[in-house]
N, C-alpha and C. Protein backbone atom coordinates (compact mmCIF):
# COMPACT_ATOMS: atom_id res chain seq x y z
N ARG A 1 117.70 -31.45 81.34
CA ARG A 1 116.35 -32.06 81.33
C ARG A 1 116.30 -32.01 82.96
N LYS A 2 116.74 -32.50 83.72
CA LYS A 2 116.42 -32.87 84.86
C LYS A 2 116.50 -31.18 85.89
N GLY A 3 117.10 -30.20 85.90
CA GLY A 3 116.63 -28.77 86.04
C GLY A 3 115.41 -28.38 85.44
N LEU A 4 114.95 -28.41 84.07
CA LEU A 4 113.71 -28.13 83.41
C LEU A 4 112.60 -28.84 84.28
N THR A 5 112.90 -30.09 84.67
CA THR A 5 111.17 -30.62 84.90
C THR A 5 111.73 -30.40 86.51
N ARG A 6 112.86 -29.94 87.49
CA ARG A 6 112.71 -30.26 88.87
C ARG A 6 111.72 -28.54 88.60
N GLN A 7 112.05 -27.68 88.05
CA GLN A 7 111.57 -26.34 87.91
C GLN A 7 109.98 -26.61 87.72
N ALA A 8 109.67 -27.40 87.05
CA ALA A 8 108.35 -27.22 86.47
C ALA A 8 107.59 -28.15 88.10
N VAL A 9 108.60 -29.06 88.35
CA VAL A 9 107.32 -29.48 89.87
C VAL A 9 107.35 -28.52 90.75
N GLN A 10 108.34 -27.84 91.07
CA GLN A 10 108.01 -26.76 92.08
C GLN A 10 107.36 -25.39 91.22
N SER A 11 107.08 -25.55 90.09
CA SER A 11 105.75 -24.37 89.91
C SER A 11 104.50 -24.86 90.43
N ILE A 12 104.46 -26.23 90.11
CA ILE A 12 103.35 -26.74 90.02
C ILE A 12 103.18 -26.80 91.48
N TYR A 13 103.74 -26.92 92.21
CA TYR A 13 103.54 -27.13 94.07
C TYR A 13 103.15 -25.73 94.32
N ALA A 14 104.10 -24.84 94.07
CA ALA A 14 103.58 -23.40 94.63
C ALA A 14 102.36 -22.86 93.90
N ASP A 15 101.80 -23.23 92.70
CA ASP A 15 100.35 -23.14 92.54
C ASP A 15 99.28 -23.76 93.26
N ARG A 16 99.53 -24.57 93.34
CA ARG A 16 98.79 -25.94 94.39
C ARG A 16 98.52 -24.87 95.87
N GLU A 17 99.77 -24.92 96.38
CA GLU A 17 99.61 -24.17 97.21
C GLU A 17 99.44 -23.30 97.90
N ALA A 18 99.52 -22.21 96.52
CA ALA A 18 98.60 -20.81 96.47
C ALA A 18 97.37 -20.81 96.34
N THR A 19 96.82 -21.82 95.06
CA THR A 19 95.08 -21.84 95.57
C THR A 19 94.60 -22.45 96.70
N ALA A 20 95.27 -23.74 97.48
CA ALA A 20 95.19 -23.97 98.98
C ALA A 20 94.61 -22.66 99.81
N ALA A 21 95.55 -22.05 99.84
CA ALA A 21 95.98 -20.95 100.68
C ALA A 21 94.55 -19.86 100.58
N ASP A 22 94.84 -19.63 99.39
CA ASP A 22 93.24 -18.71 98.89
C ASP A 22 91.47 -19.52 99.34
N GLN A 23 91.59 -20.54 99.24
CA GLN A 23 90.12 -21.49 99.46
C GLN A 23 90.07 -21.16 100.71
N ALA A 24 91.21 -21.57 101.83
CA ALA A 24 90.91 -21.98 103.27
C ALA A 24 90.50 -20.44 103.99
N GLY A 25 89.97 -20.57 104.61
CA GLY A 25 89.61 -19.41 105.84
C GLY A 25 90.40 -19.19 106.50
N ASN A 26 90.96 -20.04 106.67
CA ASN A 26 91.58 -19.95 107.85
C ASN A 26 93.26 -19.87 108.26
N VAL A 27 93.77 -19.22 106.77
CA VAL A 27 95.21 -19.17 106.06
C VAL A 27 95.31 -17.54 105.82
N HIS A 28 96.65 -16.69 106.60
CA HIS A 28 96.56 -15.72 105.89
C HIS A 28 97.82 -15.47 105.56
N ARG A 29 97.92 -14.72 104.82
CA ARG A 29 98.82 -14.33 103.94
C ARG A 29 100.32 -13.14 104.86
N LEU A 30 101.04 -13.33 105.10
CA LEU A 30 101.82 -12.47 105.69
C LEU A 30 102.51 -11.47 104.53
N PRO A 31 102.15 -10.61 105.06
CA PRO A 31 103.14 -8.99 104.25
C PRO A 31 105.02 -9.75 103.49
N PRO A 32 104.94 -9.03 102.79
CA PRO A 32 106.54 -9.41 102.52
C PRO A 32 107.30 -8.71 103.09
N ARG A 33 108.16 -9.63 104.00
CA ARG A 33 109.34 -9.27 104.93
C ARG A 33 110.09 -7.82 104.01
N THR A 34 109.95 -7.07 105.14
CA THR A 34 110.61 -5.95 104.64
C THR A 34 112.32 -5.83 105.50
N VAL A 35 113.05 -5.64 104.51
CA VAL A 35 114.61 -5.67 104.96
C VAL A 35 114.98 -4.36 105.36
N GLN A 36 115.49 -4.53 106.66
CA GLN A 36 116.06 -3.07 107.72
C GLN A 36 117.77 -2.93 106.83
N HIS A 37 117.79 -1.62 106.82
CA HIS A 37 119.00 -1.32 106.26
C HIS A 37 119.88 -0.78 107.16
N THR A 38 119.43 -0.94 107.92
CA THR A 38 120.86 -0.20 109.60
C THR A 38 120.03 -1.14 110.49
N THR A 39 120.84 -1.14 111.43
CA THR A 39 120.27 -1.13 112.88
C THR A 39 121.52 -0.46 113.35
N PRO A 40 121.06 -0.47 115.08
CA PRO A 40 122.31 -0.05 116.45
C PRO A 40 123.56 -0.38 116.19
N ALA A 41 123.40 -1.40 116.06
CA ALA A 41 124.89 -1.84 115.57
C ALA A 41 126.12 -1.18 114.62
N ILE A 42 125.37 -1.07 113.25
CA ILE A 42 125.64 -0.60 112.32
C ILE A 42 125.89 0.75 112.26
N ASP A 43 124.75 1.39 112.83
CA ASP A 43 125.23 2.74 113.16
C ASP A 43 126.01 3.45 114.51
N SER A 44 126.35 2.71 115.08
CA SER A 44 127.44 2.55 116.24
C SER A 44 128.60 2.67 115.69
N LEU A 45 128.77 1.47 115.03
CA LEU A 45 130.27 1.53 113.86
C LEU A 45 130.34 2.59 113.15
N LEU A 46 129.30 3.37 112.22
CA LEU A 46 129.66 3.74 111.38
C LEU A 46 130.20 5.57 112.27
N ALA A 47 128.96 5.16 113.22
CA ALA A 47 129.78 6.41 114.43
C ALA A 47 131.24 6.29 114.55
N SER A 48 131.77 5.33 114.65
CA SER A 48 133.07 5.40 115.21
C SER A 48 133.96 5.33 114.22
N PHE A 49 133.43 5.69 113.11
CA PHE A 49 134.46 5.91 111.90
C PHE A 49 134.37 7.85 111.99
N ASP A 50 133.22 8.15 112.51
CA ASP A 50 133.89 9.74 112.79
C ASP A 50 134.85 10.10 113.71
N THR A 51 135.62 10.70 113.56
CA THR A 51 136.98 10.83 113.76
C THR A 51 137.05 12.29 114.23
N THR A 52 136.15 13.24 114.63
CA THR A 52 136.41 14.57 114.85
C THR A 52 136.65 14.62 115.83
N ALA A 53 136.01 13.67 116.88
CA ALA A 53 136.72 14.03 118.37
C ALA A 53 137.97 13.53 118.65
N GLN A 54 138.04 12.48 117.94
CA GLN A 54 139.82 12.04 118.12
C GLN A 54 140.84 12.84 117.50
N ASP A 55 140.08 13.25 116.66
CA ASP A 55 141.10 15.02 115.49
C ASP A 55 141.06 15.72 116.37
N THR A 56 140.51 16.44 117.38
CA THR A 56 139.88 17.43 118.39
C THR A 56 141.35 16.79 119.52
N ALA A 57 140.64 15.94 119.92
CA ALA A 57 141.67 15.43 121.23
C ALA A 57 143.06 15.07 120.93
N ARG A 58 143.46 14.78 119.49
CA ARG A 58 144.79 14.72 118.86
C ARG A 58 145.51 16.10 118.81
N ALA A 59 144.98 17.15 118.40
CA ALA A 59 145.02 18.25 117.69
C ALA A 59 145.88 19.33 119.23
N ASN A 60 144.77 18.70 120.44
CA ASN A 60 144.82 18.95 122.05
C ASN A 60 146.14 18.93 121.73
N ALA A 61 146.13 17.40 121.84
CA ALA A 61 147.34 16.70 122.44
C ALA A 61 148.82 17.69 121.79
N ARG A 62 148.60 17.72 120.93
CA ARG A 62 149.14 18.13 120.11
C ARG A 62 150.01 19.80 120.41
N ALA A 63 149.19 20.30 120.58
CA ALA A 63 149.25 21.87 121.24
C ALA A 63 149.95 22.08 122.68
N LEU A 64 149.66 20.92 123.74
CA LEU A 64 150.08 21.16 124.93
C LEU A 64 152.23 20.52 124.42
N PHE A 65 152.19 19.26 123.59
CA PHE A 65 153.25 18.94 123.50
C PHE A 65 154.13 20.00 123.04
N ASP A 66 153.39 21.13 122.02
CA ASP A 66 154.15 22.40 121.28
C ASP A 66 154.58 23.20 122.01
N GLU A 67 153.73 23.25 123.64
CA GLU A 67 154.44 23.82 124.70
C GLU A 67 155.02 23.92 125.64
N ALA A 68 155.46 22.30 125.65
CA ALA A 68 156.04 22.07 126.88
C ALA A 68 157.30 22.14 126.25
N PRO A 69 157.92 22.39 127.61
CA PRO A 69 159.55 22.75 127.27
C PRO A 69 160.39 22.20 127.22
N GLU A 70 161.02 22.17 126.44
CA GLU A 70 162.50 21.09 125.39
C GLU A 70 163.25 20.59 126.72
N ALA A 71 163.06 18.81 125.98
CA ALA A 71 163.86 18.19 127.19
C ALA A 71 165.07 18.09 127.30
N ALA A 72 165.56 17.96 128.26
CA ALA A 72 166.69 17.95 128.04
C ALA A 72 167.58 16.91 127.80
N PRO A 73 168.65 16.86 127.27
CA PRO A 73 169.30 16.14 126.49
C PRO A 73 169.50 14.73 127.28
N VAL A 74 169.25 13.56 126.60
CA VAL A 74 169.71 12.19 127.08
C VAL A 74 171.25 11.88 127.37
N ILE A 75 171.64 11.51 128.11
CA ILE A 75 172.71 11.06 128.10
C ILE A 75 172.86 9.42 128.11
N ASP A 76 173.30 9.25 127.60
CA ASP A 76 174.05 7.69 127.26
C ASP A 76 174.78 6.48 128.36
N LEU A 77 174.19 6.49 129.26
CA LEU A 77 174.54 5.36 130.55
C LEU A 77 175.46 4.45 130.25
N ALA A 78 175.56 3.96 128.69
CA ALA A 78 176.06 2.91 128.87
C ALA A 78 177.47 3.18 127.75
N GLN A 79 178.36 3.95 128.43
CA GLN A 79 179.68 4.86 128.00
C GLN A 79 180.36 3.29 127.41
N THR A 80 181.55 3.57 126.66
CA THR A 80 182.33 2.65 126.41
C THR A 80 183.16 2.71 127.72
N SER A 81 184.21 4.17 127.66
CA SER A 81 185.88 4.69 128.40
C SER A 81 185.36 5.21 129.42
N PRO A 82 186.07 5.06 130.24
CA PRO A 82 186.15 5.67 131.35
C PRO A 82 185.99 7.61 131.65
N ALA A 83 186.31 7.82 130.35
CA ALA A 83 186.49 9.58 129.60
C ALA A 83 184.94 9.98 129.94
N HIS A 84 184.48 8.87 128.82
CA HIS A 84 182.82 9.15 128.90
C HIS A 84 181.98 9.00 129.49
N ARG A 85 182.26 8.19 130.30
CA ARG A 85 181.61 7.66 131.52
C ARG A 85 181.71 9.07 132.55
N TYR A 86 182.94 9.56 133.01
CA TYR A 86 183.02 10.66 133.96
C TYR A 86 182.13 12.10 133.16
N SER A 87 182.89 12.07 131.74
CA SER A 87 181.84 13.01 131.38
C SER A 87 180.67 13.35 131.07
N ALA A 88 179.85 12.07 131.15
CA ALA A 88 178.26 12.25 131.48
C ALA A 88 178.24 12.31 132.85
N TRP A 89 178.89 12.43 133.89
CA TRP A 89 179.03 12.57 135.04
C TRP A 89 178.34 13.99 135.55
N VAL A 90 179.74 14.39 134.64
CA VAL A 90 180.04 16.08 134.60
C VAL A 90 179.02 16.54 134.25
N ARG A 91 178.74 16.85 132.50
CA ARG A 91 177.52 17.18 132.81
C ARG A 91 176.17 16.96 133.47
N LEU A 92 175.90 16.18 133.50
CA LEU A 92 174.68 15.04 134.28
C LEU A 92 174.58 16.27 135.59
N GLU A 93 175.59 16.57 136.36
CA GLU A 93 175.75 17.04 137.76
C GLU A 93 175.57 18.93 137.47
N ALA A 94 176.31 19.29 135.80
CA ALA A 94 175.54 20.85 135.37
C ALA A 94 174.32 20.99 135.65
N ARG A 95 173.92 19.42 134.80
CA ARG A 95 172.16 19.72 134.71
C ARG A 95 171.47 19.99 136.16
N LYS A 96 172.07 19.28 137.23
CA LYS A 96 171.12 19.19 138.25
C LYS A 96 171.64 20.81 138.76
N GLN A 97 172.87 21.45 138.64
CA GLN A 97 173.12 22.99 138.96
C GLN A 97 172.16 23.80 138.57
N ARG A 98 172.03 23.36 137.18
CA ARG A 98 170.66 24.26 136.68
C ARG A 98 169.47 23.94 136.59
N GLY A 99 169.15 23.14 137.44
CA GLY A 99 167.67 22.73 138.14
C GLY A 99 167.03 22.25 136.87
N GLU A 100 167.96 21.31 135.64
CA GLU A 100 167.06 20.77 134.50
C GLU A 100 166.04 19.74 135.45
N SER A 101 165.45 19.04 134.54
CA SER A 101 164.47 17.80 134.52
C SER A 101 166.09 16.47 134.57
N ILE A 102 165.83 15.77 135.51
CA ILE A 102 166.60 14.72 135.65
C ILE A 102 166.19 13.55 135.45
N THR A 103 166.22 12.67 134.99
CA THR A 103 165.37 11.23 135.21
C THR A 103 165.91 10.54 136.48
N GLN A 104 164.96 9.33 136.54
CA GLN A 104 165.50 8.49 137.59
C GLN A 104 166.33 7.44 137.48
N ARG A 105 166.84 6.84 136.53
CA ARG A 105 167.97 6.37 135.62
C ARG A 105 168.79 6.65 135.71
N GLU A 106 168.76 8.35 135.54
CA GLU A 106 169.87 9.10 135.54
C GLU A 106 170.39 9.26 136.95
N LEU A 107 169.32 9.80 138.00
CA LEU A 107 170.08 9.89 139.57
C LEU A 107 170.27 8.67 140.26
N THR A 108 170.02 7.40 139.54
CA THR A 108 170.61 6.05 139.89
C THR A 108 171.78 5.84 139.38
N TRP A 109 172.34 6.12 138.23
CA TRP A 109 173.69 6.03 137.64
C TRP A 109 174.72 6.66 138.34
N SER A 110 173.99 8.16 138.55
CA SER A 110 174.89 9.06 138.99
C SER A 110 175.28 8.63 140.82
N ALA A 111 174.69 7.92 141.41
CA ALA A 111 174.53 7.70 142.41
C ALA A 111 175.59 6.36 142.81
N SER A 112 175.29 5.97 141.63
CA SER A 112 176.35 4.49 141.83
C SER A 112 177.84 4.74 141.28
N TYR A 113 177.56 5.40 140.40
CA TYR A 113 178.93 6.24 139.87
C TYR A 113 179.70 6.94 140.66
N GLN A 114 179.25 7.45 141.48
CA GLN A 114 180.39 8.35 142.50
C GLN A 114 180.67 7.15 143.29
N GLY A 115 179.92 6.41 143.69
CA GLY A 115 180.97 5.44 144.96
C GLY A 115 181.63 4.37 144.16
N SER A 116 182.02 4.22 142.75
CA SER A 116 183.11 3.71 142.09
C SER A 116 184.45 3.66 142.50
N THR A 117 185.04 3.39 142.46
CA THR A 117 186.97 3.66 142.52
C THR A 117 187.23 4.49 141.33
N GLU A 118 186.49 4.39 140.12
CA GLU A 118 186.82 4.62 138.53
C GLU A 118 186.48 6.11 139.06
N PHE A 119 185.18 6.21 139.78
CA PHE A 119 184.97 7.58 139.92
C PHE A 119 186.01 8.54 140.58
N GLU A 120 186.20 8.34 141.78
CA GLU A 120 187.52 8.14 142.84
C GLU A 120 188.53 8.80 141.76
N SER A 121 189.19 7.92 140.98
CA SER A 121 190.27 8.56 140.77
C SER A 121 190.21 9.34 139.48
N TRP A 122 189.24 9.11 138.50
CA TRP A 122 189.26 10.57 137.74
C TRP A 122 188.70 11.79 138.42
N HIS A 123 188.09 11.74 139.47
CA HIS A 123 187.65 12.67 139.99
C HIS A 123 188.50 13.77 140.33
N GLU A 124 189.76 13.07 141.41
CA GLU A 124 191.22 13.29 141.71
C GLU A 124 191.66 14.22 140.39
N LEU A 125 191.78 13.03 139.17
CA LEU A 125 192.75 14.22 138.54
C LEU A 125 191.59 14.81 137.66
N HIS A 126 190.81 15.17 137.35
CA HIS A 126 189.77 16.43 136.38
C HIS A 126 188.98 17.40 137.24
N GLU A 127 188.95 16.74 138.87
CA GLU A 127 188.41 17.77 139.73
C GLU A 127 187.34 18.51 139.29
N GLY A 128 186.25 17.70 138.51
CA GLY A 128 184.72 18.05 138.24
C GLY A 128 184.88 19.07 137.01
N ALA A 129 185.84 18.95 135.77
CA ALA A 129 186.55 19.37 134.81
C ALA A 129 185.97 18.42 134.04
N ASP A 130 185.16 18.61 132.57
CA ASP A 130 184.54 17.47 131.69
C ASP A 130 185.78 17.53 130.51
N PRO A 131 186.30 15.87 130.76
CA PRO A 131 187.62 16.02 130.18
C PRO A 131 187.61 15.82 128.70
N MET A 132 186.39 15.39 128.13
CA MET A 132 186.06 15.10 127.07
C MET A 132 185.02 16.69 126.27
N GLU A 133 185.45 17.53 126.81
CA GLU A 133 184.43 18.83 126.83
C GLU A 133 185.33 19.58 125.39
N GLY A 134 186.37 19.00 124.69
CA GLY A 134 186.66 19.25 123.84
C GLY A 134 186.46 18.46 122.37
N SER A 135 185.80 17.55 122.52
CA SER A 135 185.76 16.74 121.62
C SER A 135 184.11 16.94 121.37
N ALA A 136 183.48 16.20 119.93
CA ALA A 136 182.14 16.04 120.07
C ALA A 136 181.82 14.91 120.32
N THR A 137 181.28 15.40 121.52
CA THR A 137 180.43 13.96 122.03
C THR A 137 178.67 14.31 122.17
N GLY A 138 178.56 15.42 121.47
CA GLY A 138 177.00 15.24 121.29
C GLY A 138 176.14 16.08 122.59
């Protein structure tokens, strides 16, 4: 009942307001508000979903990647045995001789390893030959 009463009262007040507005000469009704269905912010968001430019850039990057020369095999510098470390040094030196690209980390490790007593003894023993050449080291 309370809901019906409130509705009836609001209806009466709305009718009185409309009648008073019609009778008054200085009251003008505003046109109904139009709802705008898009804004510049909405348009820019929708445009960001258009990924054709991103797809083109991605395709170009993939084409460059496909054309890039194969990277040299990465040598695991954290070898556990002296034989593995000396073998890694021999393979790194061979890559240097062939003119392949060497990372700064590999160059630093090579210089550090060449200054070690382990290198001196293994180099004296193997004279630059890879001690792991016959085994599957990758």
